[in-house]
Protein backbone atom coordinates (compact mmCIF):
# COMPACT_ATOMS: atom_id res chain seq x y z
CA UNK A 1 102.20 122.95 -5.43
CA UNK A 2 104.39 123.57 -8.47
CA UNK A 3 104.30 126.77 -10.49
CA UNK A 4 106.40 128.40 -13.17
CA UNK A 5 109.41 130.28 -11.84
CA UNK A 6 109.69 133.99 -12.58
CA UNK A 7 113.03 135.69 -13.10
CA UNK A 8 112.63 137.65 -9.84
CA UNK A 9 111.89 134.60 -7.68
CA UNK A 10 114.75 134.16 -5.23
CA UNK A 11 116.02 132.02 -2.37
CA UNK A 12 117.76 128.68 -2.05
CA UNK A 13 117.39 126.29 -4.99
CA UNK A 14 117.24 122.54 -4.46
CA UNK A 15 117.56 121.23 -8.01
CA UNK A 16 117.34 117.44 -7.86
CA UNK A 17 117.15 114.43 -10.17
CA UNK A 18 117.65 110.71 -9.43
CA UNK A 19 118.72 111.41 -5.83
CA UNK A 20 121.36 113.87 -7.02
CA UNK A 21 121.66 117.55 -6.18
CA UNK A 22 122.77 120.41 -8.43
CA UNK A 23 125.83 122.03 -6.84
CA UNK A 24 127.24 124.72 -9.13
CA UNK A 25 130.65 125.78 -7.80
CA UNK A 26 130.30 122.94 -5.28
CA UNK A 27 127.60 124.70 -3.28
CA UNK A 28 123.83 125.12 -3.05
CA UNK A 29 122.64 127.86 -5.43
CA UNK A 30 121.33 130.94 -3.64
CA UNK A 31 119.95 134.05 -5.30
CA UNK A 32 117.51 134.92 -8.05
CA UNK A 33 116.16 132.43 -10.59
CA UNK A 34 117.61 134.55 -13.39
CA UNK A 35 121.11 134.19 -11.96
CA UNK A 36 120.95 130.40 -12.25
CA UNK A 37 118.97 130.23 -15.52
CA UNK A 38 115.95 128.75 -13.75
CA UNK A 39 113.34 131.12 -15.16
CA UNK A 40 110.46 129.15 -16.68
CA UNK A 41 111.20 125.93 -14.79
CA UNK A 42 108.62 124.37 -12.48
CA UNK A 43 109.24 124.68 -8.75
CA UNK A 44 107.51 124.31 -5.41
CA UNK A 45 108.42 125.95 -2.07
CA UNK A 46 109.38 123.35 0.54
CA UNK A 47 110.39 125.57 3.46
CA UNK A 48 112.35 128.61 4.56
CA UNK A 49 115.90 129.14 5.69
CA UNK A 50 116.93 132.38 7.40
CA UNK A 51 113.84 134.12 6.04
CA UNK A 52 114.40 133.03 2.44
CA UNK A 53 112.28 130.56 0.46
CA UNK A 54 113.74 127.11 -0.27
CA UNK A 55 112.57 125.91 -3.70
CA UNK A 56 112.46 122.39 -5.10
CA UNK A 57 113.10 122.08 -8.84
CA UNK A 58 112.84 118.58 -10.30
CA UNK A 59 115.15 118.57 -13.29
CA UNK A 60 118.51 117.21 -14.43
CA UNK A 61 121.18 119.84 -14.94
CA UNK A 62 123.61 117.21 -16.31
CA UNK A 63 126.72 119.01 -15.03
CA UNK A 64 127.59 119.62 -11.39
CA UNK A 65 125.12 117.05 -10.10
CA UNK A 66 126.39 115.58 -6.84
CA UNK A 67 125.41 113.92 -3.59
CA UNK A 68 123.70 115.69 -0.73
CA UNK A 69 126.62 114.34 1.35
CA UNK A 70 128.73 117.10 -0.20
CA UNK A 71 126.88 119.72 1.84
CA UNK A 72 126.90 117.92 5.18
CA UNK A 73 129.09 120.71 6.54
CA UNK A 74 126.28 123.21 6.05
CA UNK A 75 124.15 124.29 9.00
CA UNK A 76 121.84 121.48 10.12
CA UNK A 77 118.61 123.24 9.15
CA UNK A 78 119.72 123.94 5.58
CA UNK A 79 121.15 120.44 5.18
CA UNK A 80 117.83 118.95 6.34
CA UNK A 81 115.88 121.07 3.85
CA UNK A 82 118.19 119.98 1.04
CA UNK A 83 117.67 116.37 2.10
CA UNK A 84 113.91 116.96 2.21
CA UNK A 85 114.01 118.26 -1.36
CA UNK A 86 116.02 115.32 -2.68
CA UNK A 87 113.68 112.84 -0.99
CA UNK A 88 110.52 114.55 -2.30
CA UNK A 89 111.94 114.67 -5.82
CA UNK A 90 112.74 110.97 -5.71
CA UNK A 91 109.32 110.14 -4.25
CA UNK A 92 107.57 111.92 -7.11
CA UNK A 93 109.85 110.33 -9.73
CA UNK A 94 109.18 106.82 -8.37
CA UNK A 95 105.41 107.32 -8.21
CA UNK A 96 104.57 108.32 -11.76
CA UNK A 97 102.23 105.34 -12.02
CA UNK A 98 99.86 103.76 -9.52
CA UNK A 99 101.12 100.54 -7.94
CA UNK A 100 97.56 99.17 -7.76
CA UNK A 101 96.11 99.83 -11.21
CA UNK A 102 99.05 101.11 -13.28
CA UNK A 103 97.44 104.40 -14.29
CA UNK A 104 99.41 107.65 -14.37
CA UNK A 105 99.27 109.72 -11.20
CA UNK A 106 99.35 113.42 -10.45
CA UNK A 107 100.54 115.59 -7.58
CA UNK A 108 98.14 116.72 -4.89
CA UNK A 109 97.52 120.47 -4.78
CA UNK A 110 97.20 120.52 -1.00
CA UNK A 111 99.84 118.14 0.40
CA UNK A 112 102.92 116.09 -0.41
CA UNK A 113 101.13 113.17 -2.02
CA UNK A 114 100.65 111.46 -5.38
CA UNK A 115 97.07 110.72 -6.41
CA UNK A 116 95.54 108.22 -8.81
CA UNK A 117 92.44 109.58 -10.53
CA UNK A 118 91.47 106.05 -11.70
CA UNK A 119 91.35 104.00 -8.48
CA UNK A 120 91.60 106.90 -5.99
CA UNK A 121 94.70 105.60 -4.24
CA UNK A 122 96.78 108.19 -2.40
CA UNK A 123 100.52 107.76 -1.83
CA UNK A 124 102.65 109.63 0.70
CA UNK A 125 106.46 109.78 0.99
CA UNK A 126 107.62 106.85 3.09
CA UNK A 127 110.33 107.07 5.72
CA UNK A 128 112.51 104.13 6.79
CA UNK A 129 113.08 104.11 10.58
CA UNK A 130 116.65 103.35 11.64
CA UNK A 131 118.36 103.01 14.99
CA UNK A 132 121.86 104.23 15.79
CA UNK A 133 123.47 103.43 19.11
CA UNK A 134 126.60 104.33 21.08
CA UNK A 135 127.76 101.51 23.38
CA UNK A 136 129.95 102.27 26.40
CA UNK A 137 132.10 99.86 28.37
CA UNK A 138 133.76 101.65 31.27
CA UNK A 139 135.96 104.35 29.72
CA UNK A 140 135.65 102.87 26.23
CA UNK A 141 133.22 103.20 23.33
CA UNK A 142 132.53 100.64 20.62
CA UNK A 143 133.31 102.09 17.18
CA UNK A 144 133.27 100.39 13.80
CA UNK A 145 134.34 101.01 10.23
CA UNK A 146 131.37 100.18 8.01
CA UNK A 147 131.73 98.44 4.68
CA UNK A 148 129.44 101.00 3.02
CA UNK A 149 131.71 103.91 4.01
CA UNK A 150 134.43 104.71 1.48
CA UNK A 151 136.72 106.40 3.96
CA UNK A 152 138.51 105.68 7.22
CA UNK A 153 135.72 106.94 9.50
CA UNK A 154 134.91 104.93 12.60
CA UNK A 155 131.40 105.40 13.92
CA UNK A 156 128.72 103.82 16.09
CA UNK A 157 126.50 100.91 15.06
CA UNK A 158 123.26 101.45 13.15
CA UNK A 159 120.63 99.57 11.19
CA UNK A 160 117.08 99.53 9.87
CA UNK A 161 114.13 98.65 12.07
CA UNK A 162 112.37 95.50 10.88
CA UNK A 163 108.62 94.88 10.58
CA UNK A 164 106.98 94.12 13.94
CA UNK A 165 109.98 95.33 15.97
CA UNK A 166 110.19 97.93 18.71
CA UNK A 167 113.07 100.39 18.56
CA UNK A 168 114.66 98.78 21.61
CA UNK A 169 114.44 95.34 20.01
CA UNK A 170 116.05 96.74 16.87
CA UNK A 171 118.94 98.10 18.95
CA UNK A 172 119.55 94.72 20.60
CA UNK A 173 119.28 92.79 17.33
CA UNK A 174 121.52 95.07 15.27
CA UNK A 175 124.21 95.16 17.96
CA UNK A 176 124.16 91.36 18.27
CA UNK A 177 124.21 90.81 14.49
CA UNK A 178 127.07 93.20 13.83
CA UNK A 179 129.24 92.77 16.94
CA UNK A 180 128.07 89.62 18.81
CA UNK A 181 127.72 91.54 22.10
CA UNK A 182 124.63 92.28 24.17
CA UNK A 183 123.68 95.63 25.69
CA UNK A 184 121.69 96.93 28.65
CA UNK A 185 120.25 100.23 29.89
CA UNK A 186 119.19 101.30 26.40
CA UNK A 187 117.93 104.90 26.44
CA UNK A 188 116.69 107.25 23.75
CA UNK A 189 118.66 110.43 23.01
CA UNK A 190 117.44 112.23 19.88
CA UNK A 191 116.53 111.84 16.20
CA UNK A 192 117.74 113.15 12.86
CA UNK A 193 116.27 113.06 9.34
CA UNK A 194 118.79 111.28 7.15
CA UNK A 195 118.26 111.42 3.35
CA UNK A 196 120.31 108.30 2.48
CA UNK A 197 118.00 107.51 0.87
CA UNK A 198 114.95 108.32 3.06
CA UNK A 199 115.67 107.43 6.68
CA UNK A 200 114.83 108.78 10.10
CA UNK A 201 117.68 108.02 12.49
CA UNK A 202 116.61 107.42 16.10
CA UNK A 203 119.60 107.65 18.39
CA UNK A 204 120.25 105.67 21.57
CA UNK A 205 122.95 105.19 24.16
CA UNK A 206 123.53 101.83 25.83
CA UNK A 207 125.95 100.02 28.11
CA UNK A 208 127.88 96.86 27.32
CA UNK A 209 126.41 93.79 28.97
CA UNK A 210 128.34 90.71 27.84
CA UNK A 211 129.90 88.89 24.91
CA UNK A 212 133.17 88.82 22.95
CA UNK A 213 133.46 91.28 20.08
CA UNK A 214 133.17 89.44 16.75
CA UNK A 215 132.21 91.51 13.72
CA UNK A 216 129.89 90.69 10.83
CA UNK A 217 132.30 90.86 7.90
CA UNK A 218 129.48 91.61 5.46
CA UNK A 219 128.58 94.81 7.33
CA UNK A 220 131.82 95.88 9.00
CA UNK A 221 135.45 96.15 7.97
CA UNK A 222 136.74 96.60 11.51
CA UNK A 223 135.52 97.37 15.04
CA UNK A 224 137.04 97.85 18.45
CA UNK A 225 136.76 99.29 21.92
CA UNK A 226 138.39 102.72 22.00
CA UNK A 227 139.31 104.69 25.12
CA UNK A 228 137.47 108.01 25.13
CA UNK A 229 140.70 110.06 24.76
CA UNK A 230 142.23 107.83 22.07
CA UNK A 231 139.61 107.89 19.32
CA UNK A 232 140.09 107.21 15.58
CA UNK A 233 138.83 109.36 12.70
CA UNK A 234 135.20 110.26 13.55
CA UNK A 235 132.04 111.32 11.63
CA UNK A 236 131.75 115.06 10.96
CA UNK A 237 130.16 117.44 13.49
CA UNK A 238 126.44 117.96 12.96
CA UNK A 239 125.70 114.27 12.47
CA UNK A 240 123.77 112.34 15.09
CA UNK A 241 126.59 109.79 15.17
CA UNK A 242 129.08 112.47 16.21
CA UNK A 243 126.71 113.72 18.90
CA UNK A 244 126.36 110.22 20.37
CA UNK A 245 130.15 109.82 20.44
CA UNK A 246 130.66 113.21 22.07
CA UNK A 247 127.95 112.51 24.68
CA UNK A 248 129.61 109.19 25.49
CA UNK A 249 133.02 110.83 25.76
CA UNK A 250 131.55 113.38 28.17
CA UNK A 251 130.17 110.57 30.35
CA UNK A 252 133.50 108.74 30.36
CA UNK A 253 135.41 111.89 31.20
CA UNK A 254 133.04 112.79 34.04
CA UNK A 255 133.56 109.39 35.65
CA UNK A 256 137.33 109.10 35.21
CA UNK A 257 138.81 112.58 35.48
């Protein structure tokens, strides 16, 4: 529930607008509202980090607005709360009017939901399920450079789950579509909220079954089988992709060294 910020209110401030995050001095603002000229703005508490309140403020600060990717090196819990704030702000912004009757909506006072007083529809933030999978072949791991990444990072394969699909079916389909290989022994590892824009990554490990590597040029720039001790530039620590790679490397090392 939103309320007007007092000058003495303090904590972490997630100031978000149009999927952007306010990052004065390149970092998340932490301290009193007065310090960051937030007194009088509307805010709602969305969690706690190290005993301090995390506040969501839905406004455009014009300057120093950046991507939540810029704080991926923060501790996982704080990064997830920042991602939660950005996603909630975008959900509220995109649900100003009811999709059924077109009337203006308002925020629920008891939960994260938008309500229509005219037709009584209730909308909740939606999450897009995604799979991400590390594929091992002997002492090698399949890594790819994705077209959507604007750097030289090589990572594991991933994709959205389609309607009517199980997670395991999504793994098999995405791997086939992007690399033309099949996998076996698919097993679940962990999950990670991923605010790009509103995903839940469900991580798997799998073993190569058969097929010749041929990439989908619309999705991938390059891909290859890399020996576990000769890896290219990898995703940053703290990401589920990096964990899958490190777990696969550990398996390869245990079997070969």
